[in-house]
Amino acid sequence: VWVEVWIEGKGWLTVDPSRFAVNF
């Protein structure tokens, strides 16, 4: 499971917050 965030002028961007884990 990951996240999509809407950025004005760009659309939906994919961001995987699990990658911020120190041991991902």
mmCIF file of all heavy atoms, coordinates in Angstrom:
data_MODEL
# 
_entry.id   MODEL 
# 
loop_
_atom_site.group_PDB 
_atom_site.id 
_atom_site.type_symbol 
_atom_site.label_atom_id 
_atom_site.label_alt_id 
_atom_site.label_comp_id 
_atom_site.label_asym_id 
_atom_site.label_entity_id 
_atom_site.label_seq_id 
_atom_site.pdbx_PDB_ins_code 
_atom_site.Cartn_x 
_atom_site.Cartn_y 
_atom_site.Cartn_z 
_atom_site.occupancy 
_atom_site.B_iso_or_equiv 
_atom_site.pdbx_formal_charge 
_atom_site.auth_seq_id 
_atom_site.auth_comp_id 
_atom_site.auth_asym_id 
_atom_site.auth_atom_id 
_atom_site.pdbx_PDB_model_num 
ATOM 1   N N   . VAL A 1 1  ? 0.855  -1.187 0.000   1.00 0.00 ? 1  VAL A N   1 
ATOM 2   C CA  . VAL A 1 1  ? 0.000  0.000  0.000   1.00 0.00 ? 1  VAL A CA  1 
ATOM 3   C C   . VAL A 1 1  ? 0.891  1.237  0.000   1.00 0.00 ? 1  VAL A C   1 
ATOM 4   O O   . VAL A 1 1  ? 1.861  1.295  0.758   1.00 0.00 ? 1  VAL A O   1 
ATOM 5   C CB  . VAL A 1 1  ? -0.933 0.036  1.235   1.00 0.00 ? 1  VAL A CB  1 
ATOM 6   C CG1 . VAL A 1 1  ? -1.841 1.264  1.185   1.00 0.00 ? 1  VAL A CG1 1 
ATOM 7   C CG2 . VAL A 1 1  ? -1.772 -1.230 1.304   1.00 0.00 ? 1  VAL A CG2 1 
ATOM 8   N N   . TRP A 1 2  ? 0.563  2.205  -0.852  1.00 0.00 ? 2  TRP A N   1 
ATOM 9   C CA  . TRP A 1 2  ? 1.315  3.442  -0.892  1.00 0.00 ? 2  TRP A CA  1 
ATOM 10  C C   . TRP A 1 2  ? 0.354  4.607  -1.049  1.00 0.00 ? 2  TRP A C   1 
ATOM 11  O O   . TRP A 1 2  ? -0.848 4.468  -0.835  1.00 0.00 ? 2  TRP A O   1 
ATOM 12  C CB  . TRP A 1 2  ? 2.368  3.413  -1.998  1.00 0.00 ? 2  TRP A CB  1 
ATOM 13  C CG  . TRP A 1 2  ? 1.837  3.223  -3.394  1.00 0.00 ? 2  TRP A CG  1 
ATOM 14  C CD1 . TRP A 1 2  ? 1.523  4.186  -4.306  1.00 0.00 ? 2  TRP A CD1 1 
ATOM 15  C CD2 . TRP A 1 2  ? 1.582  1.964  -4.039  1.00 0.00 ? 2  TRP A CD2 1 
ATOM 16  N NE1 . TRP A 1 2  ? 1.086  3.609  -5.466  1.00 0.00 ? 2  TRP A NE1 1 
ATOM 17  C CE2 . TRP A 1 2  ? 1.112  2.255  -5.339  1.00 0.00 ? 2  TRP A CE2 1 
ATOM 18  C CE3 . TRP A 1 2  ? 1.713  0.629  -3.653  1.00 0.00 ? 2  TRP A CE3 1 
ATOM 19  C CZ2 . TRP A 1 2  ? 0.767  1.257  -6.266  1.00 0.00 ? 2  TRP A CZ2 1 
ATOM 20  C CZ3 . TRP A 1 2  ? 1.362  -0.357 -4.555  1.00 0.00 ? 2  TRP A CZ3 1 
ATOM 21  C CH2 . TRP A 1 2  ? 0.900  -0.046 -5.841  1.00 0.00 ? 2  TRP A CH2 1 
ATOM 22  N N   . VAL A 1 3  ? 0.858  5.785  -1.406  1.00 0.00 ? 3  VAL A N   1 
ATOM 23  C CA  . VAL A 1 3  ? 0.060  7.007  -1.407  1.00 0.00 ? 3  VAL A CA  1 
ATOM 24  C C   . VAL A 1 3  ? 0.216  7.731  -2.736  1.00 0.00 ? 3  VAL A C   1 
ATOM 25  O O   . VAL A 1 3  ? 1.284  7.696  -3.354  1.00 0.00 ? 3  VAL A O   1 
ATOM 26  C CB  . VAL A 1 3  ? 0.495  7.946  -0.251  1.00 0.00 ? 3  VAL A CB  1 
ATOM 27  C CG1 . VAL A 1 3  ? -0.223 9.299  -0.332  1.00 0.00 ? 3  VAL A CG1 1 
ATOM 28  C CG2 . VAL A 1 3  ? 0.231  7.290  1.098   1.00 0.00 ? 3  VAL A CG2 1 
ATOM 29  N N   . GLU A 1 4  ? -0.853 8.378  -3.175  1.00 0.00 ? 4  GLU A N   1 
ATOM 30  C CA  . GLU A 1 4  ? -0.793 9.334  -4.275  1.00 0.00 ? 4  GLU A CA  1 
ATOM 31  C C   . GLU A 1 4  ? -1.215 10.695 -3.744  1.00 0.00 ? 4  GLU A C   1 
ATOM 32  O O   . GLU A 1 4  ? -2.194 10.802 -2.997  1.00 0.00 ? 4  GLU A O   1 
ATOM 33  C CB  . GLU A 1 4  ? -1.704 8.909  -5.432  1.00 0.00 ? 4  GLU A CB  1 
ATOM 34  C CG  . GLU A 1 4  ? -1.146 7.757  -6.243  1.00 0.00 ? 4  GLU A CG  1 
ATOM 35  C CD  . GLU A 1 4  ? -2.037 7.340  -7.393  1.00 0.00 ? 4  GLU A CD  1 
ATOM 36  O OE1 . GLU A 1 4  ? -3.188 7.830  -7.462  1.00 0.00 ? 4  GLU A OE1 1 
ATOM 37  O OE2 . GLU A 1 4  ? -1.578 6.528  -8.218  1.00 0.00 ? 4  GLU A OE2 1 
ATOM 38  N N   . VAL A 1 5  ? -0.467 11.725 -4.110  1.00 0.00 ? 5  VAL A N   1 
ATOM 39  C CA  . VAL A 1 5  ? -0.741 13.091 -3.664  1.00 0.00 ? 5  VAL A CA  1 
ATOM 40  C C   . VAL A 1 5  ? -0.938 13.972 -4.886  1.00 0.00 ? 5  VAL A C   1 
ATOM 41  O O   . VAL A 1 5  ? -0.211 13.851 -5.873  1.00 0.00 ? 5  VAL A O   1 
ATOM 42  C CB  . VAL A 1 5  ? 0.397  13.622 -2.759  1.00 0.00 ? 5  VAL A CB  1 
ATOM 43  C CG1 . VAL A 1 5  ? 1.750  13.521 -3.455  1.00 0.00 ? 5  VAL A CG1 1 
ATOM 44  C CG2 . VAL A 1 5  ? 0.125  15.055 -2.323  1.00 0.00 ? 5  VAL A CG2 1 
ATOM 45  N N   . TRP A 1 6  ? -1.916 14.849 -4.814  1.00 0.00 ? 6  TRP A N   1 
ATOM 46  C CA  . TRP A 1 6  ? -2.216 15.756 -5.934  1.00 0.00 ? 6  TRP A CA  1 
ATOM 47  C C   . TRP A 1 6  ? -1.404 17.035 -5.780  1.00 0.00 ? 6  TRP A C   1 
ATOM 48  O O   . TRP A 1 6  ? -1.468 17.710 -4.756  1.00 0.00 ? 6  TRP A O   1 
ATOM 49  C CB  . TRP A 1 6  ? -3.705 16.085 -5.967  1.00 0.00 ? 6  TRP A CB  1 
ATOM 50  C CG  . TRP A 1 6  ? -4.053 17.093 -7.027  1.00 0.00 ? 6  TRP A CG  1 
ATOM 51  C CD1 . TRP A 1 6  ? -4.059 18.455 -6.902  1.00 0.00 ? 6  TRP A CD1 1 
ATOM 52  C CD2 . TRP A 1 6  ? -4.425 16.813 -8.379  1.00 0.00 ? 6  TRP A CD2 1 
ATOM 53  N NE1 . TRP A 1 6  ? -4.415 19.040 -8.090  1.00 0.00 ? 6  TRP A NE1 1 
ATOM 54  C CE2 . TRP A 1 6  ? -4.656 18.065 -9.016  1.00 0.00 ? 6  TRP A CE2 1 
ATOM 55  C CE3 . TRP A 1 6  ? -4.601 15.652 -9.108  1.00 0.00 ? 6  TRP A CE3 1 
ATOM 56  C CZ2 . TRP A 1 6  ? -5.050 18.163 -10.344 1.00 0.00 ? 6  TRP A CZ2 1 
ATOM 57  C CZ3 . TRP A 1 6  ? -4.995 15.756 -10.428 1.00 0.00 ? 6  TRP A CZ3 1 
ATOM 58  C CH2 . TRP A 1 6  ? -5.207 16.988 -11.040 1.00 0.00 ? 6  TRP A CH2 1 
ATOM 59  N N   . ILE A 1 7  ? -0.618 17.347 -6.819  1.00 0.00 ? 7  ILE A N   1 
ATOM 60  C CA  . ILE A 1 7  ? 0.165  18.577 -6.856  1.00 0.00 ? 7  ILE A CA  1 
ATOM 61  C C   . ILE A 1 7  ? -0.365 19.428 -8.006  1.00 0.00 ? 7  ILE A C   1 
ATOM 62  O O   . ILE A 1 7  ? -0.417 18.959 -9.147  1.00 0.00 ? 7  ILE A O   1 
ATOM 63  C CB  . ILE A 1 7  ? 1.666  18.304 -7.043  1.00 0.00 ? 7  ILE A CB  1 
ATOM 64  C CG1 . ILE A 1 7  ? 2.189  17.456 -5.887  1.00 0.00 ? 7  ILE A CG1 1 
ATOM 65  C CG2 . ILE A 1 7  ? 2.443  19.610 -7.153  1.00 0.00 ? 7  ILE A CG2 1 
ATOM 66  C CD1 . ILE A 1 7  ? 2.075  18.107 -4.530  1.00 0.00 ? 7  ILE A CD1 1 
ATOM 67  N N   . GLU A 1 8  ? -0.770 20.647 -7.702  1.00 0.00 ? 8  GLU A N   1 
ATOM 68  C CA  . GLU A 1 8  ? -1.347 21.519 -8.712  1.00 0.00 ? 8  GLU A CA  1 
ATOM 69  C C   . GLU A 1 8  ? -0.380 21.704 -9.873  1.00 0.00 ? 8  GLU A C   1 
ATOM 70  O O   . GLU A 1 8  ? 0.784  22.016 -9.682  1.00 0.00 ? 8  GLU A O   1 
ATOM 71  C CB  . GLU A 1 8  ? -1.688 22.884 -8.095  1.00 0.00 ? 8  GLU A CB  1 
ATOM 72  C CG  . GLU A 1 8  ? -2.615 23.731 -8.952  1.00 0.00 ? 8  GLU A CG  1 
ATOM 73  C CD  . GLU A 1 8  ? -3.992 23.096 -9.105  1.00 0.00 ? 8  GLU A CD  1 
ATOM 74  O OE1 . GLU A 1 8  ? -4.507 22.541 -8.114  1.00 0.00 ? 8  GLU A OE1 1 
ATOM 75  O OE2 . GLU A 1 8  ? -4.527 23.164 -10.225 1.00 0.00 ? 8  GLU A OE2 1 
ATOM 76  N N   . GLY A 1 9  ? -0.889 21.457 -11.083 1.00 0.00 ? 9  GLY A N   1 
ATOM 77  C CA  . GLY A 1 9  ? -0.073 21.606 -12.274 1.00 0.00 ? 9  GLY A CA  1 
ATOM 78  C C   . GLY A 1 9  ? 0.650  20.340 -12.675 1.00 0.00 ? 9  GLY A C   1 
ATOM 79  O O   . GLY A 1 9  ? 1.226  20.272 -13.767 1.00 0.00 ? 9  GLY A O   1 
ATOM 80  N N   . LYS A 1 10 ? 0.649  19.324 -11.809 1.00 0.00 ? 10 LYS A N   1 
ATOM 81  C CA  . LYS A 1 10 ? 1.347  18.076 -12.099 1.00 0.00 ? 10 LYS A CA  1 
ATOM 82  C C   . LYS A 1 10 ? 0.430  16.866 -12.097 1.00 0.00 ? 10 LYS A C   1 
ATOM 83  O O   . LYS A 1 10 ? 0.689  15.880 -12.769 1.00 0.00 ? 10 LYS A O   1 
ATOM 84  C CB  . LYS A 1 10 ? 2.487  17.850 -11.093 1.00 0.00 ? 10 LYS A CB  1 
ATOM 85  C CG  . LYS A 1 10 ? 3.587  18.904 -11.158 1.00 0.00 ? 10 LYS A CG  1 
ATOM 86  C CD  . LYS A 1 10 ? 4.690  18.589 -10.163 1.00 0.00 ? 10 LYS A CD  1 
ATOM 87  C CE  . LYS A 1 10 ? 5.809  19.623 -10.242 1.00 0.00 ? 10 LYS A CE  1 
ATOM 88  N NZ  . LYS A 1 10 ? 6.902  19.327 -9.277  1.00 0.00 ? 10 LYS A NZ  1 
ATOM 89  N N   . GLY A 1 11 ? -0.636 16.907 -11.316 1.00 0.00 ? 11 GLY A N   1 
ATOM 90  C CA  . GLY A 1 11 ? -1.531 15.759 -11.208 1.00 0.00 ? 11 GLY A CA  1 
ATOM 91  C C   . GLY A 1 11 ? -1.203 14.893 -10.010 1.00 0.00 ? 11 GLY A C   1 
ATOM 92  O O   . GLY A 1 11 ? -0.574 15.342 -9.044  1.00 0.00 ? 11 GLY A O   1 
ATOM 93  N N   . TRP A 1 12 ? -1.620 13.636 -10.073 1.00 0.00 ? 12 TRP A N   1 
ATOM 94  C CA  . TRP A 1 12 ? -1.391 12.701 -8.972  1.00 0.00 ? 12 TRP A CA  1 
ATOM 95  C C   . TRP A 1 12 ? 0.033  12.136 -9.053  1.00 0.00 ? 12 TRP A C   1 
ATOM 96  O O   . TRP A 1 12 ? 0.414  11.544 -10.047 1.00 0.00 ? 12 TRP A O   1 
ATOM 97  C CB  . TRP A 1 12 ? -2.386 11.546 -9.019  1.00 0.00 ? 12 TRP A CB  1 
ATOM 98  C CG  . TRP A 1 12 ? -3.790 11.932 -8.673  1.00 0.00 ? 12 TRP A CG  1 
ATOM 99  C CD1 . TRP A 1 12 ? -4.828 12.117 -9.537  1.00 0.00 ? 12 TRP A CD1 1 
ATOM 100 C CD2 . TRP A 1 12 ? -4.308 12.175 -7.363  1.00 0.00 ? 12 TRP A CD2 1 
ATOM 101 N NE1 . TRP A 1 12 ? -5.959 12.468 -8.851  1.00 0.00 ? 12 TRP A NE1 1 
ATOM 102 C CE2 . TRP A 1 12 ? -5.676 12.502 -7.506  1.00 0.00 ? 12 TRP A CE2 1 
ATOM 103 C CE3 . TRP A 1 12 ? -3.759 12.143 -6.083  1.00 0.00 ? 12 TRP A CE3 1 
ATOM 104 C CZ2 . TRP A 1 12 ? -6.503 12.801 -6.423  1.00 0.00 ? 12 TRP A CZ2 1 
ATOM 105 C CZ3 . TRP A 1 12 ? -4.576 12.441 -5.001  1.00 0.00 ? 12 TRP A CZ3 1 
ATOM 106 C CH2 . TRP A 1 12 ? -5.920 12.764 -5.173  1.00 0.00 ? 12 TRP A CH2 1 
ATOM 107 N N   . LEU A 1 13 ? 0.790  12.318 -7.982  1.00 0.00 ? 13 LEU A N   1 
ATOM 108 C CA  . LEU A 1 13 ? 2.160  11.814 -7.912  1.00 0.00 ? 13 LEU A CA  1 
ATOM 109 C C   . LEU A 1 13 ? 2.219  10.634 -6.944  1.00 0.00 ? 13 LEU A C   1 
ATOM 110 O O   . LEU A 1 13 ? 1.573  10.634 -5.897  1.00 0.00 ? 13 LEU A O   1 
ATOM 111 C CB  . LEU A 1 13 ? 3.121  12.904 -7.433  1.00 0.00 ? 13 LEU A CB  1 
ATOM 112 C CG  . LEU A 1 13 ? 3.171  14.208 -8.235  1.00 0.00 ? 13 LEU A CG  1 
ATOM 113 C CD1 . LEU A 1 13 ? 4.242  15.116 -7.667  1.00 0.00 ? 13 LEU A CD1 1 
ATOM 114 C CD2 . LEU A 1 13 ? 3.419  13.931 -9.704  1.00 0.00 ? 13 LEU A CD2 1 
ATOM 115 N N   . THR A 1 14 ? 3.012  9.644  -7.296  1.00 0.00 ? 14 THR A N   1 
ATOM 116 C CA  . THR A 1 14 ? 3.174  8.469  -6.446  1.00 0.00 ? 14 THR A CA  1 
ATOM 117 C C   . THR A 1 14 ? 4.250  8.709  -5.393  1.00 0.00 ? 14 THR A C   1 
ATOM 118 O O   . THR A 1 14 ? 5.364  9.108  -5.715  1.00 0.00 ? 14 THR A O   1 
ATOM 119 C CB  . THR A 1 14 ? 3.561  7.238  -7.291  1.00 0.00 ? 14 THR A CB  1 
ATOM 120 O OG1 . THR A 1 14 ? 2.501  6.961  -8.219  1.00 0.00 ? 14 THR A OG1 1 
ATOM 121 C CG2 . THR A 1 14 ? 3.780  6.011  -6.406  1.00 0.00 ? 14 THR A CG2 1 
ATOM 122 N N   . VAL A 1 15 ? 3.914  8.444  -4.145  1.00 0.00 ? 15 VAL A N   1 
ATOM 123 C CA  . VAL A 1 15 ? 4.870  8.539  -3.044  1.00 0.00 ? 15 VAL A CA  1 
ATOM 124 C C   . VAL A 1 15 ? 4.706  7.290  -2.183  1.00 0.00 ? 15 VAL A C   1 
ATOM 125 O O   . VAL A 1 15 ? 3.595  6.978  -1.747  1.00 0.00 ? 15 VAL A O   1 
ATOM 126 C CB  . VAL A 1 15 ? 4.644  9.795  -2.184  1.00 0.00 ? 15 VAL A CB  1 
ATOM 127 C CG1 . VAL A 1 15 ? 5.678  9.849  -1.056  1.00 0.00 ? 15 VAL A CG1 1 
ATOM 128 C CG2 . VAL A 1 15 ? 4.709  11.055 -3.015  1.00 0.00 ? 15 VAL A CG2 1 
ATOM 129 N N   . ASP A 1 16 ? 5.786  6.571  -1.954  1.00 0.00 ? 16 ASP A N   1 
ATOM 130 C CA  . ASP A 1 16 ? 5.748  5.389  -1.090  1.00 0.00 ? 16 ASP A CA  1 
ATOM 131 C C   . ASP A 1 16 ? 6.383  5.743  0.249   1.00 0.00 ? 16 ASP A C   1 
ATOM 132 O O   . ASP A 1 16 ? 7.604  5.720  0.398   1.00 0.00 ? 16 ASP A O   1 
ATOM 133 C CB  . ASP A 1 16 ? 6.504  4.225  -1.734  1.00 0.00 ? 16 ASP A CB  1 
ATOM 134 C CG  . ASP A 1 16 ? 6.343  2.936  -0.936  1.00 0.00 ? 16 ASP A CG  1 
ATOM 135 O OD1 . ASP A 1 16 ? 5.689  2.971  0.123   1.00 0.00 ? 16 ASP A OD1 1 
ATOM 136 O OD2 . ASP A 1 16 ? 6.854  1.892  -1.367  1.00 0.00 ? 16 ASP A OD2 1 
ATOM 137 N N   . PRO A 1 17 ? 5.579  6.091  1.246   1.00 0.00 ? 17 PRO A N   1 
ATOM 138 C CA  . PRO A 1 17 ? 6.137  6.507  2.542   1.00 0.00 ? 17 PRO A CA  1 
ATOM 139 C C   . PRO A 1 17 ? 6.891  5.399  3.266   1.00 0.00 ? 17 PRO A C   1 
ATOM 140 O O   . PRO A 1 17 ? 7.687  5.687  4.155   1.00 0.00 ? 17 PRO A O   1 
ATOM 141 C CB  . PRO A 1 17 ? 4.901  6.946  3.332   1.00 0.00 ? 17 PRO A CB  1 
ATOM 142 C CG  . PRO A 1 17 ? 3.768  6.214  2.703   1.00 0.00 ? 17 PRO A CG  1 
ATOM 143 C CD  . PRO A 1 17 ? 4.113  6.104  1.246   1.00 0.00 ? 17 PRO A CD  1 
ATOM 144 N N   . SER A 1 18 ? 6.659  4.145  2.905   1.00 0.00 ? 18 SER A N   1 
ATOM 145 C CA  . SER A 1 18 ? 7.401  3.061  3.550   1.00 0.00 ? 18 SER A CA  1 
ATOM 146 C C   . SER A 1 18 ? 8.893  3.185  3.306   1.00 0.00 ? 18 SER A C   1 
ATOM 147 O O   . SER A 1 18 ? 9.710  2.652  4.071   1.00 0.00 ? 18 SER A O   1 
ATOM 148 C CB  . SER A 1 18 ? 6.911  1.698  3.030   1.00 0.00 ? 18 SER A CB  1 
ATOM 149 O OG  . SER A 1 18 ? 5.568  1.462  3.396   1.00 0.00 ? 18 SER A OG  1 
ATOM 150 N N   . ARG A 1 19 ? 9.267  3.891  2.250   1.00 0.00 ? 19 ARG A N   1 
ATOM 151 C CA  . ARG A 1 19 ? 10.692 4.057  1.938   1.00 0.00 ? 19 ARG A CA  1 
ATOM 152 C C   . ARG A 1 19 ? 11.402 4.976  2.928   1.00 0.00 ? 19 ARG A C   1 
ATOM 153 O O   . ARG A 1 19 ? 12.623 5.060  2.925   1.00 0.00 ? 19 ARG A O   1 
ATOM 154 C CB  . ARG A 1 19 ? 10.859 4.598  0.517   1.00 0.00 ? 19 ARG A CB  1 
ATOM 155 C CG  . ARG A 1 19 ? 10.553 3.565  -0.543  1.00 0.00 ? 19 ARG A CG  1 
ATOM 156 C CD  . ARG A 1 19 ? 11.029 4.013  -1.911  1.00 0.00 ? 19 ARG A CD  1 
ATOM 157 N NE  . ARG A 1 19 ? 10.979 2.912  -2.857  1.00 0.00 ? 19 ARG A NE  1 
ATOM 158 C CZ  . ARG A 1 19 ? 11.937 2.019  -3.023  1.00 0.00 ? 19 ARG A CZ  1 
ATOM 159 N NH1 . ARG A 1 19 ? 13.027 2.101  -2.299  1.00 0.00 ? 19 ARG A NH1 1 
ATOM 160 N NH2 . ARG A 1 19 ? 11.821 1.048  -3.893  1.00 0.00 ? 19 ARG A NH2 1 
ATOM 161 N N   . PHE A 1 20 ? 10.649 5.667  3.756   1.00 0.00 ? 20 PHE A N   1 
ATOM 162 C CA  . PHE A 1 20 ? 11.277 6.505  4.771   1.00 0.00 ? 20 PHE A CA  1 
ATOM 163 C C   . PHE A 1 20 ? 11.682 5.696  5.998   1.00 0.00 ? 20 PHE A C   1 
ATOM 164 O O   . PHE A 1 20 ? 12.278 6.241  6.930   1.00 0.00 ? 20 PHE A O   1 
ATOM 165 C CB  . PHE A 1 20 ? 10.333 7.640  5.187   1.00 0.00 ? 20 PHE A CB  1 
ATOM 166 C CG  . PHE A 1 20 ? 9.986  8.573  4.062   1.00 0.00 ? 20 PHE A CG  1 
ATOM 167 C CD1 . PHE A 1 20 ? 8.675  8.903  3.784   1.00 0.00 ? 20 PHE A CD1 1 
ATOM 168 C CD2 . PHE A 1 20 ? 10.979 9.101  3.257   1.00 0.00 ? 20 PHE A CD2 1 
ATOM 169 C CE1 . PHE A 1 20 ? 8.361  9.750  2.742   1.00 0.00 ? 20 PHE A CE1 1 
ATOM 170 C CE2 . PHE A 1 20 ? 10.669 9.952  2.204   1.00 0.00 ? 20 PHE A CE2 1 
ATOM 171 C CZ  . PHE A 1 20 ? 9.352  10.275 1.947   1.00 0.00 ? 20 PHE A CZ  1 
ATOM 172 N N   . ALA A 1 21 ? 11.343 4.416  6.020   1.00 0.00 ? 21 ALA A N   1 
ATOM 173 C CA  . ALA A 1 21 ? 11.769 3.552  7.122   1.00 0.00 ? 21 ALA A CA  1 
ATOM 174 C C   . ALA A 1 21 ? 13.279 3.365  7.063   1.00 0.00 ? 21 ALA A C   1 
ATOM 175 O O   . ALA A 1 21 ? 13.864 3.254  5.984   1.00 0.00 ? 21 ALA A O   1 
ATOM 176 C CB  . ALA A 1 21 ? 11.072 2.198  7.038   1.00 0.00 ? 21 ALA A CB  1 
ATOM 177 N N   . VAL A 1 22 ? 13.909 3.322  8.210   1.00 0.00 ? 22 VAL A N   1 
ATOM 178 C CA  . VAL A 1 22 ? 15.363 3.187  8.250   1.00 0.00 ? 22 VAL A CA  1 
ATOM 179 C C   . VAL A 1 22 ? 15.824 1.828  7.751   1.00 0.00 ? 22 VAL A C   1 
ATOM 180 O O   . VAL A 1 22 ? 16.991 1.650  7.390   1.00 0.00 ? 22 VAL A O   1 
ATOM 181 C CB  . VAL A 1 22 ? 15.890 3.418  9.687   1.00 0.00 ? 22 VAL A CB  1 
ATOM 182 C CG1 . VAL A 1 22 ? 15.614 4.835  10.138  1.00 0.00 ? 22 VAL A CG1 1 
ATOM 183 C CG2 . VAL A 1 22 ? 15.271 2.409  10.661  1.00 0.00 ? 22 VAL A CG2 1 
ATOM 184 N N   . ASN A 1 23 ? 14.909 0.858  7.692   1.00 0.00 ? 23 ASN A N   1 
ATOM 185 C CA  . ASN A 1 23 ? 15.276 -0.496 7.256   1.00 0.00 ? 23 ASN A CA  1 
ATOM 186 C C   . ASN A 1 23 ? 14.338 -0.982 6.163   1.00 0.00 ? 23 ASN A C   1 
ATOM 187 O O   . ASN A 1 23 ? 14.008 -2.164 6.100   1.00 0.00 ? 23 ASN A O   1 
ATOM 188 C CB  . ASN A 1 23 ? 15.232 -1.461 8.435   1.00 0.00 ? 23 ASN A CB  1 
ATOM 189 C CG  . ASN A 1 23 ? 13.819 -1.609 9.000   1.00 0.00 ? 23 ASN A CG  1 
ATOM 190 O OD1 . ASN A 1 23 ? 13.000 -0.694 8.878   1.00 0.00 ? 23 ASN A OD1 1 
ATOM 191 N ND2 . ASN A 1 23 ? 13.526 -2.738 9.611   1.00 0.00 ? 23 ASN A ND2 1 
ATOM 192 N N   . PHE A 1 24 ? 13.901 -0.093 5.285   1.00 0.00 ? 24 PHE A N   1 
ATOM 193 C CA  . PHE A 1 24 ? 12.862 -0.454 4.321   1.00 0.00 ? 24 PHE A CA  1 
ATOM 194 C C   . PHE A 1 24 ? 13.273 -1.613 3.428   1.00 0.00 ? 24 PHE A C   1 
ATOM 195 O O   . PHE A 1 24 ? 12.557 -2.597 3.306   1.00 0.00 ? 24 PHE A O   1 
ATOM 196 C CB  . PHE A 1 24 ? 12.508 0.754  3.452   1.00 0.00 ? 24 PHE A CB  1 
ATOM 197 C CG  . PHE A 1 24 ? 11.571 0.418  2.329   1.00 0.00 ? 24 PHE A CG  1 
ATOM 198 C CD1 . PHE A 1 24 ? 10.268 0.057  2.592   1.00 0.00 ? 24 PHE A CD1 1 
ATOM 199 C CD2 . PHE A 1 24 ? 12.000 0.447  1.013   1.00 0.00 ? 24 PHE A CD2 1 
ATOM 200 C CE1 . PHE A 1 24 ? 9.392  -0.262 1.567   1.00 0.00 ? 24 PHE A CE1 1 
ATOM 201 C CE2 . PHE A 1 24 ? 11.140 0.128  -0.022  1.00 0.00 ? 24 PHE A CE2 1 
ATOM 202 C CZ  . PHE A 1 24 ? 9.833  -0.223 0.255   1.00 0.00 ? 24 PHE A CZ  1 
# 
